[in-house]
Each structure stands twice: as structure tokens, then as C-alpha cells.
Amino acid sequence: MSDDVVPDLNGLWSCAVIGKPRWWSKVVGGSVLTCLVGSWCLGFSVPVTILALAYKRYSKSAGLLLAATMYPYFLDVPVRPMAARFWLLAAHWFGGCSMSYEKREPNDLSVPHMQVYFPHGMFTLGLILNSGIRTAATQPDGQDWNHYVGTAGPQHPVPFIGLAVGMLVKAPIFGHIVAKWTGCIKSVSKGPMLNMMSRGESFGLTPGGFHEASLMEYGKERVALSNKKGFIKYALVHGYKVVPAYSFGESYTYYNLRGFKRIRMWLADRNLPGIIFRGFAPLPWLPFQTPWGIHTIHASGRQFPKIAEPSTEDVDKYHALFVSDLRALFDRHKHRFGLNDVELEVL
């Protein structure tokens, strides 16, 4: 991808952040992303830090840190509307992000949607910036934040809820200030997910998960999908409309250290991130700045039949159809981002 590519979103129903940058835009976006990435990384390190403090007999420090990170699991943490607006400010770092559909369709609430996002990247920035949190930030009527969402109103068909690995949702710091405060991120664990589906609730998810994050290479349009069939089975059981979505630009956000594939996959199998990343110098926790941002395009989707007990053949058939739909979505829009000669790699 060339650095001088200007995204072409013509012909899409788009809700874009491609406004005139202000002098403070990059500073604000970088600061918000620092909080986001920091909460993610620190959340996983807090348990180790508490154990280390206890081992060194800093009992009071260990106790205070434990209390500060654990209280959200025992007390009700209310959703704070400003939280979604705060996290959406991260889009300023990229100079432009967008959430687009190939066409605008009636928001038929009788048909539950499963929106399936690729690629995962390091921190699912496409899903965070261009889905549920963006939608929540525009409420109640989408007008106060029209520089983010254009003419989108309260009947926007994007689900509010995105599903993430349970360990991340429960992680200290991130689970509190991102998941609970926005009210937009819930656990993808089997129990909670099936409860949502039994109620016919729409949601988004990134089935590639930590496997896909671990396999990420800068500039490679790559998804981990060949062995990810559980979401297909559940979509058949509950008769969901399955909507593939691809975030162009996600693959250019970070470098990920190569090698150690067996160890990385072993960690990913246990819902642990096998990643060693770096981004923008001299602040390597920030993603690289690109003039094309992150742009998430949703297909129209495919209505799955409702099959109470889908066979292996049923799952394989609709999984193959989904892979074909995702490839077709990528191929239809890659020219918009200067990726004409790039093929989507499905692992």
C-alpha cells in the first residue's frame, strides 16, 4: 500500500471520520490510544504485579492494588455515555476512520445479526473504532457527533455489543474503563454468547482472536479462519444473518515479531496473546500513523437457515460460503485502498 493513497468511499453508505485535522488532533488521538493500549497491557500485568509485591512483602501496596482492580467485579459499574465518546477520539490519530456498508438496508430488528470482523490486528482497532463504540457515542440522535457519523441516527443497524475473549473483558483496568464503562463489550464465552443468541440479540465478534493476532505481520492481509467454525454452528442453530466485515488498514498498525509460532499458538489456545509488537517511533505502543486510517466495510450478509442440530456437513458448507463471502468483500473494495494486486490470505 502506498502512503499517498486517499481512501475512495464513493458508493458506500458511510459514517466517516475524514474531517479537517486540527493542530491538536494527533495529540488527542495519541493520548486516547495510549490509555487504550495501556489499559490492555497493564490489565494483563496487574496480577503478576500484585504477586510480586506480596512476595516482596509490600502487603499494603499489594492490597491497595488488588482492591483498586477488583472492586468492579463486586460492585455494579454503571455505563457512562461519555466513555464511548472518549474512546472514539482515538480516530484522530489516524486522520480518518470510517464505518461503511455496501448498501443501506432496513434495520429489521426481527432478524438478529452476527457481524464478523477481520482482521483482528493487535488490538481490534477496527472493531473498537468502527462498530459498537462508535454507535454508542452518537446517541441519542447522532447529531451531537455528526462529524463522526454523518447522518446516522438512532436506528443505525450496527450492534452496540462486541464480544471479546472473557479474560480480556474481566481483565483489571481494561475490563473496567473500556468494557464496563462503554457497555459495548461483553464476553464471547460460550454461556453468555448463547444466552444472547437465545434472546435474538445482534452483536459483533472477531473469531480470529489471539490466533490471528499472533500470526499478524505488518502489511499482510491475513485472517485465521480455516479452523474457526464455532460461530458458524451457532449462527445456524439460531438462524442469524451473518455479515462479514473487513477493516482495511488494520494490517498496517503494528509490527509483530515473527517466529516462535508453536509457542504463540500454544498461548492462543489458552486465550493468551502471543504477541511482541512495536508501532510508531519513538512511542512504540502507538500504532503507525497512516494517511488512510482504518476503514471497516460491511457486506450485506447472508441469512443462515435455522437448523436445531446442524451436521458437520452443514457447518462445513456454510463455513465455506462465509469464507467465499469474506474473500469477495475484500476483492470488491481493495482497489479503494491501493491494494489492487493483493490477495487475502486465509489461514
Protein backbone atom coordinates (compact mmCIF):
# COMPACT_ATOMS: atom_id res chain seq x y z
CA MET A 1 0.00 0.00 0.00
CA SER A 2 1.32 3.39 -0.97
CA ASP A 3 1.41 6.20 1.59
CA ASP A 4 -0.24 8.62 -0.84
CA VAL A 5 -3.44 6.59 -1.24
CA VAL A 6 -6.61 8.54 -0.43
CA PRO A 7 -9.45 6.16 0.52
CA ASP A 8 -12.26 6.11 -2.01
CA LEU A 9 -15.55 5.56 -0.18
CA ASN A 10 -17.80 6.59 -3.04
CA GLY A 11 -20.86 4.41 -3.49
CA LEU A 12 -20.90 3.19 0.11
CA TRP A 13 -23.28 4.16 2.87
CA SER A 14 -20.60 5.56 5.14
CA CYS A 15 -20.19 7.09 8.56
CA ALA A 16 -16.73 8.56 8.29
CA VAL A 17 -14.15 10.47 10.25
CA ILE A 18 -12.44 12.28 7.41
CA GLY A 19 -12.69 15.86 8.56
CA LYS A 20 -10.24 18.73 8.60
CA PRO A 21 -7.49 17.94 11.12
CA ARG A 22 -6.85 20.45 13.88
CA TRP A 23 -3.48 21.21 15.41
CA TRP A 24 -4.43 19.14 18.43
CA SER A 25 -5.90 16.14 16.58
CA LYS A 26 -2.87 13.87 16.67
CA VAL A 27 -2.11 14.74 20.29
CA VAL A 28 -5.64 13.90 21.42
CA GLY A 29 -5.81 10.72 19.35
CA GLY A 30 -2.40 9.54 20.56
CA SER A 31 -3.29 10.25 24.18
CA VAL A 32 -6.52 8.25 23.95
CA LEU A 33 -4.75 5.36 22.22
CA THR A 34 -2.10 5.43 24.95
CA CYS A 35 -4.87 4.95 27.51
CA LEU A 36 -6.45 2.17 25.43
CA VAL A 37 -3.27 0.19 24.78
CA GLY A 38 -2.02 0.88 28.29
CA SER A 39 -5.21 -0.45 29.87
CA TRP A 40 -4.96 -3.59 27.74
CA CYS A 41 -1.30 -4.27 28.59
CA LEU A 42 -1.49 -3.23 32.24
CA GLY A 43 -4.61 -5.32 32.75
CA PHE A 44 -2.70 -8.49 31.95
CA SER A 45 0.30 -7.43 34.08
CA VAL A 46 -1.62 -6.43 37.23
CA PRO A 47 -1.95 -10.00 38.65
CA VAL A 48 1.80 -10.52 38.25
CA THR A 49 2.49 -7.17 39.89
CA ILE A 50 0.28 -8.00 42.87
CA LEU A 51 2.01 -11.34 43.35
CA ALA A 52 5.43 -9.68 43.09
CA LEU A 53 4.51 -7.04 45.69
CA ALA A 54 3.16 -9.72 48.02
CA TYR A 55 6.33 -11.78 47.55
CA LYS A 56 8.45 -8.75 48.44
CA ARG A 57 6.20 -8.25 51.49
CA TYR A 58 4.76 -4.94 50.33
CA SER A 59 1.44 -6.07 51.73
CA LYS A 60 -0.28 -2.68 51.83
CA SER A 61 0.68 -1.85 48.25
CA ALA A 62 -0.47 -5.27 47.07
CA GLY A 63 -3.75 -4.91 48.97
CA LEU A 64 -4.46 -1.43 47.61
CA LEU A 65 -3.75 -2.51 44.04
CA LEU A 66 -5.91 -5.59 44.47
CA ALA A 67 -8.80 -3.53 45.85
CA ALA A 68 -8.48 -0.92 43.09
CA THR A 69 -8.64 -3.52 40.33
CA MET A 70 -11.15 -5.96 41.80
CA TYR A 71 -13.96 -3.73 43.01
CA PRO A 72 -15.72 -3.66 39.60
CA TYR A 73 -16.33 -7.41 39.97
CA PHE A 74 -18.21 -6.94 43.23
CA LEU A 75 -19.92 -3.60 42.68
CA ASP A 76 -22.15 -2.52 39.83
CA VAL A 77 -20.26 -0.27 37.43
CA PRO A 78 -22.72 1.97 35.55
CA VAL A 79 -22.37 2.63 31.85
CA ARG A 80 -21.01 6.11 31.25
CA PRO A 81 -22.11 7.61 27.90
CA MET A 82 -19.05 9.85 27.72
CA ALA A 83 -16.76 6.81 27.80
CA ALA A 84 -17.69 5.76 24.25
CA ARG A 85 -17.15 9.32 23.03
CA PHE A 86 -13.77 9.43 24.75
CA TRP A 87 -12.51 6.20 23.16
CA LEU A 88 -13.75 7.25 19.74
CA LEU A 89 -11.39 10.24 19.90
CA ALA A 90 -8.61 7.74 19.13
CA ALA A 91 -9.66 8.02 15.48
CA HIS A 92 -7.93 11.42 15.36
CA TRP A 93 -4.57 9.66 15.49
CA PHE A 94 -5.19 8.11 12.08
CA GLY A 95 -6.60 11.21 10.46
CA GLY A 96 -9.63 9.29 9.27
CA CYS A 97 -11.63 6.20 10.11
CA SER A 98 -14.93 5.04 8.73
CA MET A 99 -17.69 2.52 9.24
CA SER A 100 -19.34 1.69 5.94
CA TYR A 101 -21.94 -0.62 4.46
CA GLU A 102 -22.13 -1.67 0.84
CA LYS A 103 -25.73 -0.57 0.89
CA ARG A 104 -28.17 0.78 3.41
CA GLU A 105 -30.76 -1.79 4.40
CA PRO A 106 -33.84 -1.55 6.63
CA ASN A 107 -32.99 -2.12 10.26
CA ASP A 108 -35.25 -5.17 10.68
CA LEU A 109 -34.99 -5.89 14.39
CA SER A 110 -36.74 -9.23 13.86
CA VAL A 111 -33.62 -10.57 12.14
CA PRO A 112 -30.65 -10.88 14.51
CA HIS A 113 -27.28 -10.00 13.01
CA MET A 114 -23.89 -11.50 13.73
CA GLN A 115 -21.28 -9.09 12.37
CA VAL A 116 -17.96 -10.87 11.92
CA TYR A 117 -14.85 -8.66 11.82
CA PHE A 118 -11.46 -9.28 10.26
CA PRO A 119 -8.56 -8.93 10.69
CA HIS A 120 -8.06 -8.93 14.46
CA GLY A 121 -4.78 -7.00 14.39
CA MET A 122 -3.07 -6.31 17.70
CA PHE A 123 -5.95 -4.52 19.45
CA THR A 124 -9.02 -4.89 17.18
CA LEU A 125 -8.93 -1.17 16.44
CA GLY A 126 -11.31 -1.59 13.51
CA LEU A 127 -13.93 -3.18 15.74
CA ILE A 128 -13.40 -0.64 18.53
CA LEU A 129 -13.45 2.47 16.34
CA ASN A 130 -15.88 1.40 13.64
CA SER A 131 -18.66 -0.54 15.32
CA GLY A 132 -20.48 -0.58 18.66
CA ILE A 133 -18.49 2.11 20.48
CA ARG A 134 -18.94 4.46 17.52
CA THR A 135 -22.67 3.79 17.54
CA ALA A 136 -22.96 4.33 21.30
CA ALA A 137 -21.04 7.60 21.01
CA THR A 138 -23.69 9.04 18.69
CA GLN A 139 -26.66 8.53 20.97
CA PRO A 140 -29.34 9.66 21.45
CA ASP A 141 -29.75 11.05 17.95
CA GLY A 142 -26.39 11.09 16.23
CA GLN A 143 -26.40 14.87 15.82
CA ASP A 144 -24.01 15.98 18.56
CA TRP A 145 -21.31 13.83 17.00
CA ASN A 146 -22.20 14.32 13.35
CA HIS A 147 -18.54 14.94 12.48
CA TYR A 148 -18.08 11.26 13.30
CA VAL A 149 -21.20 9.68 11.91
CA GLY A 150 -22.60 11.87 9.17
CA THR A 151 -26.37 11.40 9.01
CA ALA A 152 -26.61 8.21 11.05
CA GLY A 153 -29.48 8.26 13.52
CA PRO A 154 -30.73 6.11 16.38
CA GLN A 155 -31.85 3.31 14.02
CA HIS A 156 -28.33 2.59 12.86
CA PRO A 157 -28.10 -1.16 12.14
CA VAL A 158 -24.73 -1.65 13.82
CA PRO A 159 -24.99 -3.71 17.02
CA PHE A 160 -23.91 -1.96 20.17
CA ILE A 161 -22.31 -5.08 21.59
CA GLY A 162 -18.98 -6.55 20.54
CA LEU A 163 -17.83 -9.84 22.01
CA ALA A 164 -14.26 -10.36 23.23
CA VAL A 165 -12.39 -13.14 24.99
CA GLY A 166 -13.65 -13.46 28.56
CA MET A 167 -10.19 -13.00 30.07
CA LEU A 168 -9.91 -9.59 28.40
CA VAL A 169 -13.39 -8.48 29.47
CA LYS A 170 -12.55 -9.44 33.04
CA ALA A 171 -9.02 -8.05 32.94
CA PRO A 172 -8.30 -5.33 35.51
CA ILE A 173 -8.37 -1.76 34.15
CA PHE A 174 -9.42 -2.61 30.57
CA GLY A 175 -12.46 -4.54 31.75
CA HIS A 176 -13.47 -1.56 33.86
CA ILE A 177 -12.79 1.57 31.83
CA VAL A 178 -13.36 0.14 28.35
CA ALA A 179 -15.77 -2.81 28.62
CA LYS A 180 -17.95 -1.80 31.57
CA TRP A 181 -17.95 1.98 31.16
CA THR A 182 -18.93 1.84 27.49
CA GLY A 183 -21.31 -1.11 27.95
CA CYS A 184 -20.28 -2.19 24.45
CA ILE A 185 -18.02 -5.18 25.14
CA LYS A 186 -19.12 -8.50 26.62
CA SER A 187 -17.64 -11.96 26.94
CA VAL A 188 -17.52 -14.29 23.94
CA SER A 189 -17.51 -17.25 26.32
CA LYS A 190 -19.95 -19.94 25.26
CA GLY A 191 -22.50 -19.40 28.04
CA PRO A 192 -23.00 -15.61 27.73
CA MET A 193 -22.88 -15.76 23.94
CA LEU A 194 -25.54 -18.46 23.68
CA ASN A 195 -27.75 -16.56 26.14
CA MET A 196 -27.58 -13.52 23.86
CA MET A 197 -28.38 -15.62 20.81
CA SER A 198 -31.32 -17.32 22.52
CA ARG A 199 -32.77 -13.81 23.03
CA GLY A 200 -32.12 -12.89 19.39
CA GLU A 201 -29.66 -10.10 20.18
CA SER A 202 -27.36 -8.75 17.50
CA PHE A 203 -23.63 -8.46 18.15
CA GLY A 204 -20.20 -8.31 16.55
CA LEU A 205 -17.19 -10.54 17.13
CA THR A 206 -13.67 -11.27 15.86
CA PRO A 207 -13.40 -15.07 15.61
CA GLY A 208 -9.72 -14.92 14.63
CA GLY A 209 -8.94 -13.87 18.21
CA PHE A 210 -5.47 -14.23 19.65
CA HIS A 211 -4.58 -16.80 16.97
CA GLU A 212 -4.99 -14.15 14.31
CA ALA A 213 -3.20 -11.53 16.42
CA SER A 214 -0.27 -13.88 16.91
CA LEU A 215 0.00 -14.51 13.16
CA MET A 216 -0.21 -10.84 12.21
CA GLU A 217 2.55 -9.42 10.02
CA TYR A 218 2.79 -5.77 9.07
CA GLY A 219 1.27 -5.19 5.64
CA LYS A 220 -0.06 -8.75 5.25
CA GLU A 221 -3.80 -9.06 4.59
CA ARG A 222 -4.19 -12.27 6.56
CA VAL A 223 -7.01 -13.87 8.54
CA ALA A 224 -7.16 -17.01 10.71
CA LEU A 225 -10.42 -18.61 9.67
CA SER A 226 -9.92 -22.14 8.34
CA ASN A 227 -10.39 -23.79 11.73
CA LYS A 228 -12.82 -21.24 13.17
CA LYS A 229 -16.24 -22.84 12.73
CA GLY A 230 -17.94 -22.49 16.11
CA PHE A 231 -19.61 -19.18 15.22
CA ILE A 232 -20.97 -20.76 12.04
CA LYS A 233 -22.57 -23.60 14.01
CA TYR A 234 -24.25 -21.24 16.47
CA ALA A 235 -25.45 -18.95 13.66
CA LEU A 236 -27.16 -21.99 12.11
CA VAL A 237 -28.69 -23.11 15.40
CA HIS A 238 -30.26 -19.70 15.96
CA GLY A 239 -30.88 -18.62 12.35
CA TYR A 240 -28.75 -15.47 12.32
CA LYS A 241 -27.88 -13.21 9.42
CA VAL A 242 -24.09 -13.36 9.21
CA VAL A 243 -22.38 -10.19 7.99
CA PRO A 244 -18.66 -10.27 7.08
CA ALA A 245 -16.76 -7.04 7.73
CA TYR A 246 -13.19 -6.16 6.80
CA SER A 247 -11.09 -3.38 8.33
CA PHE A 248 -8.73 -2.01 5.69
CA GLY A 249 -5.68 -0.52 7.34
CA GLU A 250 -5.70 -2.74 10.44
CA SER A 251 -2.80 -4.76 9.00
CA TYR A 252 -0.63 -1.63 8.88
CA THR A 253 -0.94 -0.62 12.52
CA TYR A 254 1.92 -2.59 14.14
CA TYR A 255 4.95 -4.72 13.52
CA ASN A 256 4.71 -8.11 15.22
CA LEU A 257 7.86 -10.12 15.97
CA ARG A 258 8.00 -13.20 13.75
CA GLY A 259 8.89 -16.74 14.75
CA PHE A 260 8.04 -18.93 17.73
CA LYS A 261 4.82 -19.98 16.02
CA ARG A 262 4.35 -23.14 18.07
CA ILE A 263 4.65 -21.23 21.35
CA ARG A 264 2.35 -18.47 20.12
CA MET A 265 -0.34 -20.92 19.07
CA TRP A 266 0.01 -22.74 22.41
CA LEU A 267 -0.64 -19.44 24.20
CA ALA A 268 -3.52 -18.54 21.89
CA ASP A 269 -5.13 -21.93 22.54
CA ARG A 270 -5.25 -20.85 26.19
CA ASN A 271 -6.68 -17.40 25.41
CA LEU A 272 -3.37 -15.67 25.97
CA PRO A 273 -1.88 -13.22 23.46
CA GLY A 274 1.34 -14.48 21.89
CA ILE A 275 2.38 -11.08 20.57
CA ILE A 276 5.52 -8.95 20.72
CA PHE A 277 4.71 -5.72 18.92
CA ARG A 278 6.04 -2.27 18.18
CA GLY A 279 4.48 0.69 16.49
CA PHE A 280 5.18 4.35 15.92
CA ALA A 281 8.66 5.55 16.93
CA PRO A 282 9.50 6.95 19.45
CA LEU A 283 6.25 5.83 21.13
CA PRO A 284 6.16 2.15 20.14
CA TRP A 285 2.90 1.38 21.94
CA LEU A 286 1.06 3.64 19.49
CA PRO A 287 0.06 2.27 16.07
CA PHE A 288 1.77 3.59 12.99
CA GLN A 289 0.30 6.74 11.52
CA THR A 290 -1.01 6.29 8.03
CA PRO A 291 -2.82 8.75 5.77
CA TRP A 292 -5.53 6.21 5.02
CA GLY A 293 -6.67 5.42 8.57
CA ILE A 294 -8.78 2.32 9.35
CA HIS A 295 -11.88 1.79 7.25
CA THR A 296 -14.31 -1.01 8.04
CA ILE A 297 -16.64 -2.12 5.25
CA HIS A 298 -19.60 -4.42 5.91
CA ALA A 299 -21.15 -6.69 3.31
CA SER A 300 -24.90 -7.15 3.02
CA GLY A 301 -24.60 -10.50 4.77
CA ARG A 302 -26.15 -13.90 4.29
CA GLN A 303 -29.24 -15.14 6.09
CA PHE A 304 -28.48 -18.57 7.56
CA PRO A 305 -31.25 -21.15 7.88
CA LYS A 306 -32.30 -22.19 11.36
CA ILE A 307 -31.12 -25.76 11.98
CA ALA A 308 -31.60 -27.02 15.52
CA GLU A 309 -28.84 -29.63 15.22
CA PRO A 310 -26.58 -28.78 12.28
CA SER A 311 -24.47 -31.63 10.98
CA THR A 312 -20.75 -31.40 10.28
CA GLU A 313 -21.64 -31.15 6.60
CA ASP A 314 -23.99 -28.22 7.31
CA VAL A 315 -21.29 -26.38 9.25
CA ASP A 316 -18.66 -27.04 6.59
CA LYS A 317 -20.99 -25.87 3.82
CA TYR A 318 -21.85 -22.54 5.45
CA HIS A 319 -18.31 -22.02 6.64
CA ALA A 320 -17.14 -22.34 3.01
CA LEU A 321 -19.84 -19.87 1.95
CA PHE A 322 -18.74 -17.42 4.61
CA VAL A 323 -15.08 -17.67 3.56
CA SER A 324 -16.18 -17.04 -0.03
CA ASP A 325 -18.27 -14.03 1.07
CA LEU A 326 -15.34 -12.57 3.00
CA ARG A 327 -12.95 -13.00 0.08
CA ALA A 328 -15.48 -11.42 -2.26
CA LEU A 329 -15.95 -8.46 0.10
CA PHE A 330 -12.19 -7.91 0.22
CA ASP A 331 -11.81 -8.20 -3.55
CA ARG A 332 -14.68 -5.79 -4.25
CA HIS A 333 -13.15 -3.00 -2.18
CA LYS A 334 -9.37 -3.49 -2.12
CA HIS A 335 -8.96 -1.05 -5.02
CA ARG A 336 -10.27 1.73 -2.78
CA PHE A 337 -7.09 1.47 -0.71
CA GLY A 338 -4.47 0.80 -3.38
CA LEU A 339 -4.46 -2.96 -2.82
CA ASN A 340 -5.38 -3.98 -6.37
CA ASP A 341 -2.80 -6.76 -6.63
CA VAL A 342 -3.16 -8.07 -3.06
CA GLU A 343 -4.86 -11.38 -2.30
CA LEU A 344 -6.48 -12.12 1.04
CA GLU A 345 -4.60 -14.90 2.83
CA VAL A 346 -6.88 -17.30 4.73
CA LEU A 347 -5.05 -19.50 7.24
